[in-house]
C-alpha atoms as a PDB file:
ATOM      1  CA  MET A   1     165.813  58.490   9.292  1.00  0.00           C
ATOM      2  CA  ASP A   2     166.196  61.380  11.878  1.00  0.00           C
ATOM      3  CA  ALA A   3     163.303  62.431  13.904  1.00  0.00           C
ATOM      4  CA  VAL A   4     162.441  65.502  11.661  1.00  0.00           C
ATOM      5  CA  GLU A   5     161.578  63.033   9.005  1.00  0.00           C
ATOM      6  CA  ALA A   6     159.899  60.454  11.656  1.00  0.00           C
ATOM      7  CA  TYR A   7     157.701  63.686  12.720  1.00  0.00           C
ATOM      8  CA  ILE A   8     156.942  64.377   8.856  1.00  0.00           C
ATOM      9  CA  LEU A   9     155.595  60.684   8.513  1.00  0.00           C
ATOM     10  CA  ASP A  10     153.598  61.177  11.641  1.00  0.00           C
ATOM     11  CA  ARG A  11     151.374  63.873  10.369  1.00  0.00           C
ATOM     12  CA  PRO A  12     147.969  63.358   8.512  1.00  0.00           C
ATOM     13  CA  ALA A  13     148.128  63.745   4.930  1.00  0.00           C
ATOM     14  CA  VAL A  14     147.658  67.157   3.867  1.00  0.00           C
ATOM     15  CA  GLU A  15     149.961  68.923   6.533  1.00  0.00           C
ATOM     16  CA  GLN A  16     152.763  65.417   5.660  1.00  0.00           C
ATOM     17  CA  ALA A  17     152.287  66.517   1.907  1.00  0.00           C
ATOM     18  CA  VAL A  18     153.081  70.330   2.833  1.00  0.00           C
ATOM     19  CA  LEU A  19     156.026  69.202   4.974  1.00  0.00           C
ATOM     20  CA  ASP A  20     157.182  67.198   2.533  1.00  0.00           C
ATOM     21  CA  TYR A  21     157.458  69.913   0.113  1.00  0.00           C
ATOM     22  CA  LEU A  22     158.917  72.583   2.822  1.00  0.00           C
ATOM     23  CA  TYR A  23     161.446  70.142   4.614  1.00  0.00           C
ATOM     24  CA  PRO A  24     164.070  69.320   2.016  1.00  0.00           C
ATOM     25  CA  LEU A  25     163.296  73.298   0.551  1.00  0.00           C
ATOM     26  CA  ILE A  26     164.851  74.613   3.810  1.00  0.00           C
ATOM     27  CA  MET A  27     166.915  72.097   4.540  1.00  0.00           C
ATOM     28  CA  ALA A  28     169.131  72.942   1.395  1.00  0.00           C
ATOM     29  CA  GLN A  29     169.848  75.891   2.475  1.00  0.00           C
ATOM     30  CA  PRO A  30     173.636  76.603   3.416  1.00  0.00           C
ATOM     31  CA  GLY A  31     174.720  75.572   7.130  1.00  0.00           C
ATOM     32  CA  MET A  32     170.666  74.584   7.873  1.00  0.00           C
ATOM     33  CA  SER A  33     170.048  71.627  10.678  1.00  0.00           C
ATOM     34  CA  ALA A  34     166.478  70.631  11.974  1.00  0.00           C
ATOM     35  CA  LYS A  35     166.034  69.253  15.337  1.00  0.00           C
ATOM     36  CA  ILE A  36     162.307  68.671  17.131  1.00  0.00           C
ATOM     37  CA  ARG A  37     162.087  71.207  19.598  1.00  0.00           C
ATOM     38  CA  TYR A  38     158.386  71.588  21.980  1.00  0.00           C
ATOM     39  CA  ASN A  39     157.031  68.974  19.423  1.00  0.00           C
ATOM     40  CA  ILE A  40     157.771  70.525  16.372  1.00  0.00           C
ATOM     41  CA  PRO A  41     160.304  70.920  13.988  1.00  0.00           C
ATOM     42  CA  PHE A  42     163.219  73.752  14.388  1.00  0.00           C
ATOM     43  CA  PHE A  43     165.398  75.296  11.349  1.00  0.00           C
ATOM     44  CA  TYR A  44     168.336  76.947  12.950  1.00  0.00           C
ATOM     45  CA  CYS A  45     171.987  77.924  11.563  1.00  0.00           C
ATOM     46  CA  ARG A  46     173.302  80.424  14.236  1.00  0.00           C
ATOM     47  CA  SER A  47     170.235  80.885  15.835  1.00  0.00           C
ATOM     48  CA  TRP A  48     166.853  79.340  15.288  1.00  0.00           C
ATOM     49  CA  VAL A  49     165.709  80.545  12.049  1.00  0.00           C
ATOM     50  CA  CYS A  50     162.181  79.425  11.247  1.00  0.00           C
ATOM     51  CA  TYR A  51     160.047  76.427  12.681  1.00  0.00           C
ATOM     52  CA  THR A  52     156.376  74.515  10.831  1.00  0.00           C
ATOM     53  CA  ASN A  53     153.649  74.245  13.281  1.00  0.00           C
ATOM     54  CA  PRO A  54     150.086  72.814  12.205  1.00  0.00           C
ATOM     55  CA  ARG A  55     147.479  75.384  12.053  1.00  0.00           C
ATOM     56  CA  ALA A  56     143.898  75.116  11.092  1.00  0.00           C
ATOM     57  CA  GLY A  57     144.679  72.182   8.309  1.00  0.00           C
ATOM     58  CA  GLY A  58     147.406  73.100   7.299  1.00  0.00           C
ATOM     59  CA  ILE A  59     151.481  73.954   8.196  1.00  0.00           C
ATOM     60  CA  GLU A  60     152.518  77.298   8.949  1.00  0.00           C
ATOM     61  CA  LEU A  61     156.274  77.858   8.024  1.00  0.00           C
ATOM     62  CA  ALA A  62     157.184  81.040  11.013  1.00  0.00           C
ATOM     63  CA  PHE A  63     160.054  83.215  10.910  1.00  0.00           C
ATOM     64  CA  LEU A  64     161.446  83.831  14.538  1.00  0.00           C
ATOM     65  CA  ARG A  65     162.490  87.176  13.887  1.00  0.00           C
ATOM     66  CA  GLY A  66     160.219  87.666  11.105  1.00  0.00           C
ATOM     67  CA  LEU A  67     159.147  90.992  12.081  1.00  0.00           C
ATOM     68  CA  GLU A  68     162.686  92.400  11.357  1.00  0.00           C
ATOM     69  CA  LEU A  69     162.494  90.840   8.210  1.00  0.00           C
ATOM     70  CA  SER A  70     161.352  93.411   4.679  1.00  0.00           C
ATOM     71  CA  ASN A  71     158.480  90.916   3.459  1.00  0.00           C
ATOM     72  CA  GLU A  72     158.747  92.928   0.576  1.00  0.00           C
ATOM     73  CA  GLN A  73     156.750  89.407  -0.788  1.00  0.00           C
ATOM     74  CA  GLY A  74     154.237  89.886   1.293  1.00  0.00           C
ATOM     75  CA  LEU A  75     153.772  86.414   2.512  1.00  0.00           C
ATOM     76  CA  LEU A  76     154.314  86.839   5.972  1.00  0.00           C
ATOM     77  CA  GLN A  77     151.470  87.591   8.969  1.00  0.00           C
ATOM     78  CA  SER A  78     152.514  88.635  12.621  1.00  0.00           C
ATOM     79  CA  ARG A  79     148.923  87.615  13.755  1.00  0.00           C
ATOM     80  CA  GLY A  80     149.292  89.916  16.876  1.00  0.00           C
ATOM     81  CA  ARG A  81     152.716  88.188  18.037  1.00  0.00           C
ATOM     82  CA  LYS A  82     155.803  90.595  18.447  1.00  0.00           C
ATOM     83  CA  MET A  83     158.709  89.137  16.824  1.00  0.00           C
ATOM     84  CA  VAL A  84     157.302  86.054  14.616  1.00  0.00           C
ATOM     85  CA  ALA A  85     155.550  86.420  11.405  1.00  0.00           C
ATOM     86  CA  GLY A  86     154.840  83.464   9.709  1.00  0.00           C
ATOM     87  CA  VAL A  87     153.141  81.857   6.182  1.00  0.00           C
ATOM     88  CA  ILE A  88     150.164  79.260   6.838  1.00  0.00           C
ATOM     89  CA  TYR A  89     150.056  76.730   3.534  1.00  0.00           C
ATOM     90  CA  HIS A  90     147.135  74.362   3.472  1.00  0.00           C
ATOM     91  CA  ARG A  91     148.112  72.434   0.465  1.00  0.00           C
ATOM     92  CA  THR A  92     151.798  71.826  -1.931  1.00  0.00           C
ATOM     93  CA  GLU A  93     150.160  74.193  -4.638  1.00  0.00           C
ATOM     94  CA  ASP A  94     149.718  77.346  -2.241  1.00  0.00           C
ATOM     95  CA  ILE A  95     153.897  77.547  -1.718  1.00  0.00           C
ATOM     96  CA  ARG A  96     155.054  80.440  -3.892  1.00  0.00           C
ATOM     97  CA  GLU A  97     159.078  78.978  -4.023  1.00  0.00           C
ATOM     98  CA  GLU A  98     160.769  82.048  -5.422  1.00  0.00           C
ATOM     99  CA  PRO A  99     159.302  84.423  -2.890  1.00  0.00           C
ATOM    100  CA  LEU A 100     159.613  82.066  -0.226  1.00  0.00           C
ATOM    101  CA  LEU A 101     163.709  81.622  -1.411  1.00  0.00           C
ATOM    102  CA  GLU A 102     164.067  85.823  -0.712  1.00  0.00           C
ATOM    103  CA  VAL A 103     162.176  84.993   2.627  1.00  0.00           C
ATOM    104  CA  LEU A 104     164.448  82.784   4.007  1.00  0.00           C
ATOM    105  CA  ALA A 105     167.282  84.149   2.102  1.00  0.00           C
ATOM    106  CA  GLU A 106     166.758  87.355   4.123  1.00  0.00           C
ATOM    107  CA  ALA A 107     166.211  85.068   7.327  1.00  0.00           C
ATOM    108  CA  LEU A 108     169.666  83.675   7.308  1.00  0.00           C
ATOM    109  CA  LEU A 109     171.113  86.866   6.412  1.00  0.00           C
ATOM    110  CA  LEU A 110     169.947  88.169   9.517  1.00  0.00           C
ATOM    111  CA  ASP A 111     171.061  85.377  11.638  1.00  0.00           C
ATOM    112  CA  GLU A 112     174.307  85.660  10.413  1.00  0.00           C
ATOM    113  CA  GLN A 113     174.652  88.714  12.150  1.00  0.00           C
ATOM    114  CA  VAL A 114     174.146  86.814  15.639  1.00  0.00           C
ATOM    115  CA  THR A 115     177.684  86.422  17.551  1.00  0.00           C
ATOM    116  CA  ARG A 116     177.476  83.316  18.730  1.00  0.00           C
ATOM    117  CA  LYS A 117     175.212  80.158  18.249  1.00  0.00           C
ATOM    118  CA  LYS A 118     171.850  80.519  20.879  1.00  0.00           C
ATOM    119  CA  TRP A 119     170.476  77.006  20.637  1.00  0.00           C
END
């Protein structure tokens, strides 16, 4: 069991269910890795792509360069942040997989433009 899996097992049931759904979905992306940073899971390829963070009884999936993404799916909200945008999931039924995978794919395309690894 890696550190991220241990983190997921240590979360309350509702958060754990959402993380159990998101973690394999994110990790299935080509070149994706995960580490615990700042006490939460961060996912990266060439640079940090996204992270999951407990928020108001749910889990926020936040993209570090979220405001650079097209957000054609309407999933992401900046909540006043200058770079980061994310979506909060309160239960697994809230997760619309196809639009989420589209946002994730776009974030990975943006990540490919990073000239060197920054983690």
